[in-house]
């Protein structure tokens, strides 16, 4: 079984006994030999913070090679050598699970964790549960943040829909009503409320106008306009209304399913 070793030390812990690169390397090589594994490669991130995995070239290369199937096991000294970020740890362990790799932590408290053992398998199982809880909680907190941002007039979208422009105000991206395009939006709604179908509306609008960035009107584009919550001042997460100035259509007019 081929194994990858990962070692890391932060600059602020470089000189602490037991945390040097050499100490980690020697310990893991001894463990490798004890378990009868073959060394594939040593990956390292010397003098780099453990705050996040994403900015560390050593661990990123390890992950790439692991996905490519170049080795079957990963050995680390302690979990915090991988990352001190809980989300990073959970994502890495989830990847270990997904790729069915063997994972060995030389020192977890006073114990060694090897996912080939029953205790190690339990470790991965429970970490998977906590990872799911962490992910759900992160999603909920993200939704709360986005909802609050929408209430304050902030954006979750990369491009403004027809009827709006995006302007940066006090460092934040805001939707500003584009008066010319707003007239087109109102015209579409008026035609629909007068009984016109989406194909007929598209044909009429193409006779004198174009959509955002010169786009041609078609039935799909008309439906997108008719079903867009933004025109009534709603955000797309929870039914919280923006101030009157951001509403192109009055709420009572917007009843398109």
C-alpha atoms as a PDB file:
ATOM      1  CA  UNK A   1       0.000   0.000   0.000  1.00  0.00           C
ATOM      2  CA  UNK A   2       1.445   3.336  -1.086  1.00  0.00           C
ATOM      3  CA  UNK A   3       1.150   6.161   1.450  1.00  0.00           C
ATOM      4  CA  UNK A   4       1.567   9.929   1.415  1.00  0.00           C
ATOM      5  CA  UNK A   5       2.943  11.789   4.412  1.00  0.00           C
ATOM      6  CA  UNK A   6       1.860  15.328   5.148  1.00  0.00           C
ATOM      7  CA  UNK A   7       3.884  17.594   7.425  1.00  0.00           C
ATOM      8  CA  UNK A   8       3.443  21.257   8.253  1.00  0.00           C
ATOM      9  CA  UNK A   9       4.730  23.758  10.743  1.00  0.00           C
ATOM     10  CA  UNK A  10       3.623  27.341  11.323  1.00  0.00           C
ATOM     11  CA  UNK A  11       6.205  30.086  11.644  1.00  0.00           C
ATOM     12  CA  UNK A  12       5.107  30.838  15.215  1.00  0.00           C
ATOM     13  CA  UNK A  13       5.682  27.202  16.247  1.00  0.00           C
ATOM     14  CA  UNK A  14       8.811  26.517  14.206  1.00  0.00           C
ATOM     15  CA  UNK A  15      11.115  26.196  17.176  1.00  0.00           C
ATOM     16  CA  UNK A  16       8.807  24.367  19.560  1.00  0.00           C
ATOM     17  CA  UNK A  17      10.063  20.934  20.495  1.00  0.00           C
ATOM     18  CA  UNK A  18       8.110  18.149  18.862  1.00  0.00           C
ATOM     19  CA  UNK A  19       6.632  20.352  16.149  1.00  0.00           C
ATOM     20  CA  UNK A  20       9.624  20.662  13.818  1.00  0.00           C
ATOM     21  CA  UNK A  21       9.396  19.367  10.277  1.00  0.00           C
ATOM     22  CA  UNK A  22      12.147  16.847  11.032  1.00  0.00           C
ATOM     23  CA  UNK A  23      10.352  15.520  14.117  1.00  0.00           C
ATOM     24  CA  UNK A  24       7.097  15.020  12.220  1.00  0.00           C
ATOM     25  CA  UNK A  25       8.918  13.380   9.313  1.00  0.00           C
ATOM     26  CA  UNK A  26      10.803  10.935  11.547  1.00  0.00           C
ATOM     27  CA  UNK A  27       7.686   9.996  13.512  1.00  0.00           C
ATOM     28  CA  UNK A  28       5.642   9.364  10.376  1.00  0.00           C
ATOM     29  CA  UNK A  29       8.406   7.387   8.669  1.00  0.00           C
ATOM     30  CA  UNK A  30       8.611   5.165  11.726  1.00  0.00           C
ATOM     31  CA  UNK A  31       4.818   4.691  11.653  1.00  0.00           C
ATOM     32  CA  UNK A  32       4.941   3.972   7.914  1.00  0.00           C
ATOM     33  CA  UNK A  33       7.473   1.195   8.446  1.00  0.00           C
ATOM     34  CA  UNK A  34       5.522  -0.191  11.405  1.00  0.00           C
ATOM     35  CA  UNK A  35       2.399  -0.539   9.249  1.00  0.00           C
ATOM     36  CA  UNK A  36       4.255  -2.068   6.321  1.00  0.00           C
ATOM     37  CA  UNK A  37       3.402   0.717   3.902  1.00  0.00           C
ATOM     38  CA  UNK A  38       5.428   2.009   0.979  1.00  0.00           C
ATOM     39  CA  UNK A  39       6.273   5.714   0.832  1.00  0.00           C
ATOM     40  CA  UNK A  40       4.870   7.464  -2.223  1.00  0.00           C
ATOM     41  CA  UNK A  41       5.796  11.031  -1.374  1.00  0.00           C
ATOM     42  CA  UNK A  42       6.222  13.510   1.462  1.00  0.00           C
ATOM     43  CA  UNK A  43       4.056  16.627   1.039  1.00  0.00           C
ATOM     44  CA  UNK A  44       4.909  19.649   3.142  1.00  0.00           C
ATOM     45  CA  UNK A  45       3.987  23.249   3.845  1.00  0.00           C
ATOM     46  CA  UNK A  46       6.850  24.726   5.866  1.00  0.00           C
ATOM     47  CA  UNK A  47       6.176  27.933   7.766  1.00  0.00           C
ATOM     48  CA  UNK A  48       2.573  28.258   6.548  1.00  0.00           C
ATOM     49  CA  UNK A  49      -0.427  28.988   8.767  1.00  0.00           C
ATOM     50  CA  UNK A  50      -2.946  26.241   9.489  1.00  0.00           C
ATOM     51  CA  UNK A  51      -5.860  28.636   9.248  1.00  0.00           C
ATOM     52  CA  UNK A  52      -7.006  27.315   5.888  1.00  0.00           C
ATOM     53  CA  UNK A  53      -6.140  24.511   3.464  1.00  0.00           C
ATOM     54  CA  UNK A  54      -6.965  26.452   0.311  1.00  0.00           C
ATOM     55  CA  UNK A  55      -3.834  28.628   0.244  1.00  0.00           C
ATOM     56  CA  UNK A  56      -1.312  25.853   0.956  1.00  0.00           C
ATOM     57  CA  UNK A  57       0.381  24.382  -2.129  1.00  0.00           C
ATOM     58  CA  UNK A  58       1.576  21.228  -0.354  1.00  0.00           C
ATOM     59  CA  UNK A  59      -1.819  19.993   0.830  1.00  0.00           C
ATOM     60  CA  UNK A  60      -3.444  21.066  -2.440  1.00  0.00           C
ATOM     61  CA  UNK A  61      -0.981  18.913  -4.389  1.00  0.00           C
ATOM     62  CA  UNK A  62      -1.663  16.008  -2.008  1.00  0.00           C
ATOM     63  CA  UNK A  63      -5.410  16.319  -2.635  1.00  0.00           C
ATOM     64  CA  UNK A  64      -4.886  16.419  -6.417  1.00  0.00           C
ATOM     65  CA  UNK A  65      -2.694  13.305  -6.340  1.00  0.00           C
ATOM     66  CA  UNK A  66      -5.105  11.528  -3.992  1.00  0.00           C
ATOM     67  CA  UNK A  67      -7.979  12.159  -6.417  1.00  0.00           C
ATOM     68  CA  UNK A  68      -5.762  10.831  -9.214  1.00  0.00           C
ATOM     69  CA  UNK A  69      -5.300   7.570  -7.284  1.00  0.00           C
ATOM     70  CA  UNK A  70      -1.526   7.854  -6.875  1.00  0.00           C
ATOM     71  CA  UNK A  71      -1.584   6.458  -3.318  1.00  0.00           C
ATOM     72  CA  UNK A  72      -3.966   4.630  -0.984  1.00  0.00           C
ATOM     73  CA  UNK A  73      -3.245   6.140   2.445  1.00  0.00           C
ATOM     74  CA  UNK A  74      -2.502   9.474   4.111  1.00  0.00           C
ATOM     75  CA  UNK A  75      -0.476   9.814   7.309  1.00  0.00           C
ATOM     76  CA  UNK A  76      -0.323  12.960   9.449  1.00  0.00           C
ATOM     77  CA  UNK A  77       1.127  13.736  12.848  1.00  0.00           C
ATOM     78  CA  UNK A  78      -1.932  15.505  14.271  1.00  0.00           C
ATOM     79  CA  UNK A  79      -5.212  16.720  12.815  1.00  0.00           C
ATOM     80  CA  UNK A  80      -4.195  20.356  13.286  1.00  0.00           C
ATOM     81  CA  UNK A  81      -1.290  19.722  10.893  1.00  0.00           C
ATOM     82  CA  UNK A  82      -3.953  19.452   8.195  1.00  0.00           C
ATOM     83  CA  UNK A  83      -5.878  22.523   9.317  1.00  0.00           C
ATOM     84  CA  UNK A  84      -7.174  24.362  12.354  1.00  0.00           C
ATOM     85  CA  UNK A  85     -10.280  25.233  10.371  1.00  0.00           C
ATOM     86  CA  UNK A  86     -13.166  22.922  11.271  1.00  0.00           C
ATOM     87  CA  UNK A  87     -14.770  23.203   7.859  1.00  0.00           C
ATOM     88  CA  UNK A  88     -11.490  22.291   6.108  1.00  0.00           C
ATOM     89  CA  UNK A  89     -11.065  19.223   8.321  1.00  0.00           C
ATOM     90  CA  UNK A  90     -14.580  18.007   7.678  1.00  0.00           C
ATOM     91  CA  UNK A  91     -14.209  18.493   3.916  1.00  0.00           C
ATOM     92  CA  UNK A  92     -10.906  16.606   3.884  1.00  0.00           C
ATOM     93  CA  UNK A  93     -12.304  13.705   5.924  1.00  0.00           C
ATOM     94  CA  UNK A  94     -15.381  13.601   3.667  1.00  0.00           C
ATOM     95  CA  UNK A  95     -13.024  13.310   0.675  1.00  0.00           C
ATOM     96  CA  UNK A  96     -11.109  10.490   2.404  1.00  0.00           C
ATOM     97  CA  UNK A  97     -14.439   8.704   2.873  1.00  0.00           C
ATOM     98  CA  UNK A  98     -15.552   9.303  -0.714  1.00  0.00           C
ATOM     99  CA  UNK A  99     -12.286   8.045  -2.229  1.00  0.00           C
ATOM    100  CA  UNK A 100     -12.102   5.123   0.226  1.00  0.00           C
ATOM    101  CA  UNK A 101      -8.575   6.004   1.352  1.00  0.00           C
ATOM    102  CA  UNK A 102      -6.889   4.885   4.553  1.00  0.00           C
ATOM    103  CA  UNK A 103      -6.236   7.743   6.966  1.00  0.00           C
ATOM    104  CA  UNK A 104      -3.793   7.544   9.870  1.00  0.00           C
ATOM    105  CA  UNK A 105      -3.385  10.226  12.545  1.00  0.00           C
ATOM    106  CA  UNK A 106      -0.274   9.443  14.581  1.00  0.00           C
ATOM    107  CA  UNK A 107      -1.413  11.341  17.650  1.00  0.00           C
ATOM    108  CA  UNK A 108      -5.034  12.199  18.479  1.00  0.00           C
ATOM    109  CA  UNK A 109      -4.710  13.017  22.159  1.00  0.00           C
ATOM    110  CA  UNK A 110      -2.904   9.971  23.525  1.00  0.00           C
ATOM    111  CA  UNK A 111      -4.252   7.652  20.828  1.00  0.00           C
ATOM    112  CA  UNK A 112      -3.385   6.761  17.257  1.00  0.00           C
ATOM    113  CA  UNK A 113      -6.241   6.737  14.766  1.00  0.00           C
ATOM    114  CA  UNK A 114      -6.141   4.351  11.810  1.00  0.00           C
ATOM    115  CA  UNK A 115      -9.279   4.090   9.707  1.00  0.00           C
ATOM    116  CA  UNK A 116      -8.510   0.443   9.018  1.00  0.00           C
ATOM    117  CA  UNK A 117      -9.359  -0.322  12.657  1.00  0.00           C
ATOM    118  CA  UNK A 118     -12.911  -0.386  14.126  1.00  0.00           C
ATOM    119  CA  UNK A 119     -12.103   2.700  16.224  1.00  0.00           C
ATOM    120  CA  UNK A 120     -10.758   4.490  13.176  1.00  0.00           C
ATOM    121  CA  UNK A 121     -13.847   3.628  11.134  1.00  0.00           C
ATOM    122  CA  UNK A 122     -16.023   4.967  13.965  1.00  0.00           C
ATOM    123  CA  UNK A 123     -13.915   8.138  13.962  1.00  0.00           C
ATOM    124  CA  UNK A 124     -14.643   8.686  10.243  1.00  0.00           C
ATOM    125  CA  UNK A 125     -18.316   7.812  10.694  1.00  0.00           C
ATOM    126  CA  UNK A 126     -18.895  10.298  13.499  1.00  0.00           C
ATOM    127  CA  UNK A 127     -16.846  12.960  11.764  1.00  0.00           C
ATOM    128  CA  UNK A 128     -19.091  12.454   8.754  1.00  0.00           C
ATOM    129  CA  UNK A 129     -22.147  13.076  10.936  1.00  0.00           C
ATOM    130  CA  UNK A 130     -20.616  16.219  12.428  1.00  0.00           C
ATOM    131  CA  UNK A 131     -19.575  17.359   8.954  1.00  0.00           C
ATOM    132  CA  UNK A 132     -23.204  17.137   7.819  1.00  0.00           C
ATOM    133  CA  UNK A 133     -24.341  19.102  10.888  1.00  0.00           C
ATOM    134  CA  UNK A 134     -21.605  21.673  10.249  1.00  0.00           C
ATOM    135  CA  UNK A 135     -22.636  21.960   6.591  1.00  0.00           C
ATOM    136  CA  UNK A 136     -26.329  22.396   7.461  1.00  0.00           C
ATOM    137  CA  UNK A 137     -25.502  25.037  10.067  1.00  0.00           C
ATOM    138  CA  UNK A 138     -23.201  26.862   7.648  1.00  0.00           C
ATOM    139  CA  UNK A 139     -25.957  26.854   5.029  1.00  0.00           C
ATOM    140  CA  UNK A 140     -28.429  28.269   7.547  1.00  0.00           C
ATOM    141  CA  UNK A 141     -26.031  30.986   8.690  1.00  0.00           C
ATOM    142  CA  UNK A 142     -25.239  31.863   5.069  1.00  0.00           C
ATOM    143  CA  UNK A 143     -28.959  32.156   4.334  1.00  0.00           C
ATOM    144  CA  UNK A 144     -29.401  34.463   7.343  1.00  0.00           C
ATOM    145  CA  UNK A 145     -26.537  36.631   6.137  1.00  0.00           C
ATOM    146  CA  UNK A 146     -27.893  36.825   2.595  1.00  0.00           C
ATOM    147  CA  UNK A 147     -31.387  37.634   3.844  1.00  0.00           C
ATOM    148  CA  UNK A 148     -30.056  40.471   6.012  1.00  0.00           C
ATOM    149  CA  UNK A 149     -28.021  41.712   3.087  1.00  0.00           C
ATOM    150  CA  UNK A 150     -31.142  41.757   0.905  1.00  0.00           C
ATOM    151  CA  UNK A 151     -33.090  43.649   3.573  1.00  0.00           C
ATOM    152  CA  UNK A 152     -30.416  46.332   3.497  1.00  0.00           C
ATOM    153  CA  UNK A 153     -30.555  46.595  -0.279  1.00  0.00           C
ATOM    154  CA  UNK A 154     -27.461  44.458  -0.910  1.00  0.00           C
ATOM    155  CA  UNK A 155     -27.153  41.963  -3.745  1.00  0.00           C
ATOM    156  CA  UNK A 156     -26.789  38.209  -4.094  1.00  0.00           C
ATOM    157  CA  UNK A 157     -26.738  38.396  -7.913  1.00  0.00           C
ATOM    158  CA  UNK A 158     -23.772  38.920 -10.234  1.00  0.00           C
ATOM    159  CA  UNK A 159     -25.758  40.731 -12.943  1.00  0.00           C
ATOM    160  CA  UNK A 160     -28.668  43.117 -12.716  1.00  0.00           C
ATOM    161  CA  UNK A 161     -31.946  41.918 -14.244  1.00  0.00           C
ATOM    162  CA  UNK A 162     -33.684  43.961 -16.923  1.00  0.00           C
ATOM    163  CA  UNK A 163     -35.004  47.100 -15.248  1.00  0.00           C
ATOM    164  CA  UNK A 164     -32.022  47.638 -12.956  1.00  0.00           C
ATOM    165  CA  UNK A 165     -28.374  48.641 -12.998  1.00  0.00           C
ATOM    166  CA  UNK A 166     -25.769  47.783 -10.389  1.00  0.00           C
ATOM    167  CA  UNK A 167     -23.909  50.644  -8.706  1.00  0.00           C
ATOM    168  CA  UNK A 168     -21.305  50.545  -5.954  1.00  0.00           C
ATOM    169  CA  UNK A 169     -22.383  52.793  -3.075  1.00  0.00           C
ATOM    170  CA  UNK A 170     -20.202  53.084   0.033  1.00  0.00           C
ATOM    171  CA  UNK A 171     -18.360  49.945  -0.992  1.00  0.00           C
ATOM    172  CA  UNK A 172     -21.523  47.858  -1.493  1.00  0.00           C
ATOM    173  CA  UNK A 173     -23.171  46.785  -4.733  1.00  0.00           C
ATOM    174  CA  UNK A 174     -26.736  48.116  -4.959  1.00  0.00           C
ATOM    175  CA  UNK A 175     -29.600  47.724  -7.419  1.00  0.00           C
ATOM    176  CA  UNK A 176     -30.652  51.027  -8.964  1.00  0.00           C
ATOM    177  CA  UNK A 177     -33.776  51.311 -11.133  1.00  0.00           C
ATOM    178  CA  UNK A 178     -33.005  51.914 -14.807  1.00  0.00           C
ATOM    179  CA  UNK A 179     -35.886  54.173 -15.828  1.00  0.00           C
ATOM    180  CA  UNK A 180     -35.890  53.255 -19.529  1.00  0.00           C
ATOM    181  CA  UNK A 181     -35.805  49.515 -18.870  1.00  0.00           C
ATOM    182  CA  UNK A 182     -38.392  49.879 -16.087  1.00  0.00           C
ATOM    183  CA  UNK A 183     -40.840  51.222 -18.696  1.00  0.00           C
ATOM    184  CA  UNK A 184     -40.291  48.037 -20.736  1.00  0.00           C
ATOM    185  CA  UNK A 185     -41.017  45.897 -17.682  1.00  0.00           C
ATOM    186  CA  UNK A 186     -44.251  47.761 -17.015  1.00  0.00           C
ATOM    187  CA  UNK A 187     -45.245  47.407 -20.646  1.00  0.00           C
ATOM    188  CA  UNK A 188     -44.764  43.623 -20.502  1.00  0.00           C
ATOM    189  CA  UNK A 189     -46.950  43.377 -17.394  1.00  0.00           C
ATOM    190  CA  UNK A 190     -49.627  45.619 -18.923  1.00  0.00           C
ATOM    191  CA  UNK A 191     -49.778  43.450 -22.048  1.00  0.00           C
ATOM    192  CA  UNK A 192     -50.032  40.302 -19.956  1.00  0.00           C
ATOM    193  CA  UNK A 193     -52.814  41.737 -17.802  1.00  0.00           C
ATOM    194  CA  UNK A 194     -54.614  42.739 -21.002  1.00  0.00           C
ATOM    195  CA  UNK A 195     -54.744  39.046 -21.947  1.00  0.00           C
ATOM    196  CA  UNK A 196     -51.811  38.783 -24.346  1.00  0.00           C
ATOM    197  CA  UNK A 197     -49.816  35.502 -24.408  1.00  0.00           C
ATOM    198  CA  UNK A 198     -46.065  35.340 -23.924  1.00  0.00           C
ATOM    199  CA  UNK A 199     -45.392  34.705 -27.637  1.00  0.00           C
ATOM    200  CA  UNK A 200     -47.509  37.688 -28.642  1.00  0.00           C
ATOM    201  CA  UNK A 201     -45.817  39.880 -26.010  1.00  0.00           C
ATOM    202  CA  UNK A 202     -42.346  38.858 -27.235  1.00  0.00           C
ATOM    203  CA  UNK A 203     -43.273  39.708 -30.826  1.00  0.00           C
ATOM    204  CA  UNK A 204     -44.644  43.098 -29.790  1.00  0.00           C
ATOM    205  CA  UNK A 205     -41.595  43.968 -27.635  1.00  0.00           C
ATOM    206  CA  UNK A 206     -39.143  42.998 -30.397  1.00  0.00           C
ATOM    207  CA  UNK A 207     -40.839  45.547 -32.637  1.00  0.00           C
ATOM    208  CA  UNK A 208     -39.401  48.477 -30.688  1.00  0.00           C
ATOM    209  CA  UNK A 209     -36.968  47.242 -28.015  1.00  0.00           C
ATOM    210  CA  UNK A 210     -34.389  44.720 -26.858  1.00  0.00           C
ATOM    211  CA  UNK A 211     -33.686  43.028 -23.533  1.00  0.00           C
ATOM    212  CA  UNK A 212     -30.622  43.388 -21.333  1.00  0.00           C
ATOM    213  CA  UNK A 213     -27.389  43.716 -23.326  1.00  0.00           C
ATOM    214  CA  UNK A 214     -29.323  43.686 -26.591  1.00  0.00           C
ATOM    215  CA  UNK A 215     -31.018  40.351 -25.987  1.00  0.00           C
ATOM    216  CA  UNK A 216     -33.948  39.415 -28.222  1.00  0.00           C
ATOM    217  CA  UNK A 217     -37.355  38.952 -26.638  1.00  0.00           C
ATOM    218  CA  UNK A 218     -38.771  35.424 -26.773  1.00  0.00           C
ATOM    219  CA  UNK A 219     -41.413  33.546 -24.778  1.00  0.00           C
ATOM    220  CA  UNK A 220     -38.846  32.330 -22.235  1.00  0.00           C
ATOM    221  CA  UNK A 221     -37.506  35.839 -21.621  1.00  0.00           C
ATOM    222  CA  UNK A 222     -41.035  37.191 -21.182  1.00  0.00           C
ATOM    223  CA  UNK A 223     -41.782  34.484 -18.596  1.00  0.00           C
ATOM    224  CA  UNK A 224     -38.577  35.304 -16.711  1.00  0.00           C
ATOM    225  CA  UNK A 225     -39.692  38.926 -16.486  1.00  0.00           C
ATOM    226  CA  UNK A 226     -43.221  38.027 -15.396  1.00  0.00           C
ATOM    227  CA  UNK A 227     -41.981  35.664 -12.675  1.00  0.00           C
ATOM    228  CA  UNK A 228     -39.158  37.788 -11.279  1.00  0.00           C
ATOM    229  CA  UNK A 229     -39.776  38.660  -7.595  1.00  0.00           C
ATOM    230  CA  UNK A 230     -37.265  41.503  -7.796  1.00  0.00           C
ATOM    231  CA  UNK A 231     -39.702  43.819  -9.595  1.00  0.00           C
ATOM    232  CA  UNK A 232     -42.009  43.904  -6.554  1.00  0.00           C
ATOM    233  CA  UNK A 233     -39.132  44.656  -4.197  1.00  0.00           C
ATOM    234  CA  UNK A 234     -38.801  41.096  -2.862  1.00  0.00           C
ATOM    235  CA  UNK A 235     -35.510  39.352  -2.336  1.00  0.00           C
ATOM    236  CA  UNK A 236     -35.249  35.695  -3.366  1.00  0.00           C
ATOM    237  CA  UNK A 237     -34.678  34.213   0.092  1.00  0.00           C
ATOM    238  CA  UNK A 238     -37.477  35.430   2.317  1.00  0.00           C
ATOM    239  CA  UNK A 239     -40.451  37.707   1.577  1.00  0.00           C
ATOM    240  CA  UNK A 240     -38.922  40.929   2.831  1.00  0.00           C
ATOM    241  CA  UNK A 241     -39.799  44.032   0.853  1.00  0.00           C
ATOM    242  CA  UNK A 242     -37.292  46.647  -0.192  1.00  0.00           C
ATOM    243  CA  UNK A 243     -38.142  50.316   0.009  1.00  0.00           C
ATOM    244  CA  UNK A 244     -40.653  51.737  -2.484  1.00  0.00           C
ATOM    245  CA  UNK A 245     -37.949  53.263  -4.694  1.00  0.00           C
ATOM    246  CA  UNK A 246     -36.649  49.839  -5.702  1.00  0.00           C
ATOM    247  CA  UNK A 247     -40.031  48.457  -6.771  1.00  0.00           C
ATOM    248  CA  UNK A 248     -40.861  48.596 -10.459  1.00  0.00           C
ATOM    249  CA  UNK A 249     -44.213  46.849 -10.090  1.00  0.00           C
ATOM    250  CA  UNK A 250     -46.731  47.184  -7.283  1.00  0.00           C
ATOM    251  CA  UNK A 251     -47.283  43.992  -5.338  1.00  0.00           C
ATOM    252  CA  UNK A 252     -50.955  43.624  -6.212  1.00  0.00           C
ATOM    253  CA  UNK A 253     -50.105  43.486  -9.930  1.00  0.00           C
ATOM    254  CA  UNK A 254     -47.675  40.609  -9.521  1.00  0.00           C
ATOM    255  CA  UNK A 255     -49.733  37.448  -9.517  1.00  0.00           C
ATOM    256  CA  UNK A 256     -48.040  35.364 -12.218  1.00  0.00           C
ATOM    257  CA  UNK A 257     -47.459  31.720 -11.255  1.00  0.00           C
END
